[in-house]
Amino acid sequence: MALFVFALACLFMGCSTTPVYLRHPGTGRVVQCGPYGWNELRTGSVPERERGCIADYQRQGYERVPGP
């Protein structure tokens, strides 16, 4: 029942996650990981995808920054 209520709330509220922004200190380029929507939330893969995205950019020298 709780899953149904959550799914219904997501449907009406446009459920998605908050994006994470990263900037390269040398180039100043800003990239974004996310937001992730219903498909990722439904499968439970959001934490893995977000961590993977952030880790990939950090390996390239990017650092987390506040959003615009």
C-alpha atoms as a PDB file:
ATOM      1  CA  MET A   1       0.000   0.000   0.000  1.00  0.00           C
ATOM      2  CA  ALA A   2       2.797   2.434   0.893  1.00  0.00           C
ATOM      3  CA  LEU A   3       4.473   1.818  -2.465  1.00  0.00           C
ATOM      4  CA  PHE A   4       1.221   2.600  -4.246  1.00  0.00           C
ATOM      5  CA  VAL A   5       0.859   5.878  -2.342  1.00  0.00           C
ATOM      6  CA  PHE A   6       4.479   6.779  -3.119  1.00  0.00           C
ATOM      7  CA  ALA A   7       4.001   5.974  -6.812  1.00  0.00           C
ATOM      8  CA  LEU A   8       0.814   8.010  -6.926  1.00  0.00           C
ATOM      9  CA  ALA A   9       2.510  10.972  -5.230  1.00  0.00           C
ATOM     10  CA  CYS A  10       5.400  10.774  -7.680  1.00  0.00           C
ATOM     11  CA  LEU A  11       3.021  10.695 -10.605  1.00  0.00           C
ATOM     12  CA  PHE A  12       1.269  13.880  -9.516  1.00  0.00           C
ATOM     13  CA  MET A  13       4.372  15.719  -8.281  1.00  0.00           C
ATOM     14  CA  GLY A  14       6.751  14.844 -11.131  1.00  0.00           C
ATOM     15  CA  CYS A  15       8.995  12.817  -8.854  1.00  0.00           C
ATOM     16  CA  SER A  16      12.705  13.278  -9.483  1.00  0.00           C
ATOM     17  CA  THR A  17      15.924  13.776  -7.563  1.00  0.00           C
ATOM     18  CA  THR A  18      17.925  16.955  -7.088  1.00  0.00           C
ATOM     19  CA  PRO A  19      20.835  17.333  -9.524  1.00  0.00           C
ATOM     20  CA  VAL A  20      24.450  17.440  -8.312  1.00  0.00           C
ATOM     21  CA  TYR A  21      26.771  19.979  -9.941  1.00  0.00           C
ATOM     22  CA  LEU A  22      30.528  19.664 -10.377  1.00  0.00           C
ATOM     23  CA  ARG A  23      33.057  22.161 -11.754  1.00  0.00           C
ATOM     24  CA  HIS A  24      36.511  21.573 -13.190  1.00  0.00           C
ATOM     25  CA  PRO A  25      38.913  23.982 -11.445  1.00  0.00           C
ATOM     26  CA  GLY A  26      41.149  24.319 -14.499  1.00  0.00           C
ATOM     27  CA  THR A  27      38.558  24.895 -17.202  1.00  0.00           C
ATOM     28  CA  GLY A  28      35.630  26.209 -15.150  1.00  0.00           C
ATOM     29  CA  ARG A  29      33.304  23.824 -16.988  1.00  0.00           C
ATOM     30  CA  VAL A  30      30.262  22.821 -14.917  1.00  0.00           C
ATOM     31  CA  VAL A  31      28.599  19.437 -15.363  1.00  0.00           C
ATOM     32  CA  GLN A  32      25.532  17.907 -13.804  1.00  0.00           C
ATOM     33  CA  CYS A  33      24.661  14.458 -12.479  1.00  0.00           C
ATOM     34  CA  GLY A  34      20.896  13.929 -12.433  1.00  0.00           C
ATOM     35  CA  PRO A  35      18.140  14.641 -11.877  1.00  0.00           C
ATOM     36  CA  TYR A  36      16.970  11.059 -11.981  1.00  0.00           C
ATOM     37  CA  GLY A  37      13.300  10.394 -12.574  1.00  0.00           C
ATOM     38  CA  TRP A  38      10.652   7.786 -12.102  1.00  0.00           C
ATOM     39  CA  ASN A  39      12.410   4.929 -13.943  1.00  0.00           C
ATOM     40  CA  GLU A  40      15.494   5.135 -11.746  1.00  0.00           C
ATOM     41  CA  LEU A  41      13.435   5.677  -8.586  1.00  0.00           C
ATOM     42  CA  ARG A  42      11.259   2.695  -9.465  1.00  0.00           C
ATOM     43  CA  THR A  43      14.215   0.346  -9.897  1.00  0.00           C
ATOM     44  CA  GLY A  44      16.100   1.697  -6.878  1.00  0.00           C
ATOM     45  CA  SER A  45      19.208   2.477  -8.915  1.00  0.00           C
ATOM     46  CA  VAL A  46      19.420   6.191  -8.084  1.00  0.00           C
ATOM     47  CA  PRO A  47      22.143   5.997  -5.405  1.00  0.00           C
ATOM     48  CA  GLU A  48      24.339   3.783  -7.601  1.00  0.00           C
ATOM     49  CA  ARG A  49      23.921   5.927 -10.715  1.00  0.00           C
ATOM     50  CA  GLU A  50      24.497   9.153  -8.836  1.00  0.00           C
ATOM     51  CA  ARG A  51      27.607   7.854  -7.037  1.00  0.00           C
ATOM     52  CA  GLY A  52      28.965   6.507 -10.323  1.00  0.00           C
ATOM     53  CA  CYS A  53      28.385   9.779 -12.158  1.00  0.00           C
ATOM     54  CA  ILE A  54      30.001  11.852  -9.407  1.00  0.00           C
ATOM     55  CA  ALA A  55      32.952   9.457  -9.093  1.00  0.00           C
ATOM     56  CA  ASP A  56      33.574   9.532 -12.868  1.00  0.00           C
ATOM     57  CA  TYR A  57      33.787  13.323 -12.907  1.00  0.00           C
ATOM     58  CA  GLN A  58      35.861  13.495  -9.725  1.00  0.00           C
ATOM     59  CA  ARG A  59      38.420  11.162 -11.312  1.00  0.00           C
ATOM     60  CA  GLN A  60      38.700  13.759 -14.076  1.00  0.00           C
ATOM     61  CA  GLY A  61      39.385  16.522 -11.533  1.00  0.00           C
ATOM     62  CA  TYR A  62      35.878  17.938 -11.076  1.00  0.00           C
ATOM     63  CA  GLU A  63      34.783  19.165  -7.638  1.00  0.00           C
ATOM     64  CA  ARG A  64      31.254  19.401  -6.226  1.00  0.00           C
ATOM     65  CA  VAL A  65      29.784  22.903  -6.168  1.00  0.00           C
ATOM     66  CA  PRO A  66      26.405  24.357  -5.140  1.00  0.00           C
ATOM     67  CA  GLY A  67      23.784  24.524  -7.864  1.00  0.00           C
ATOM     68  CA  PRO A  68      23.185  27.630  -9.954  1.00  0.00           C
END
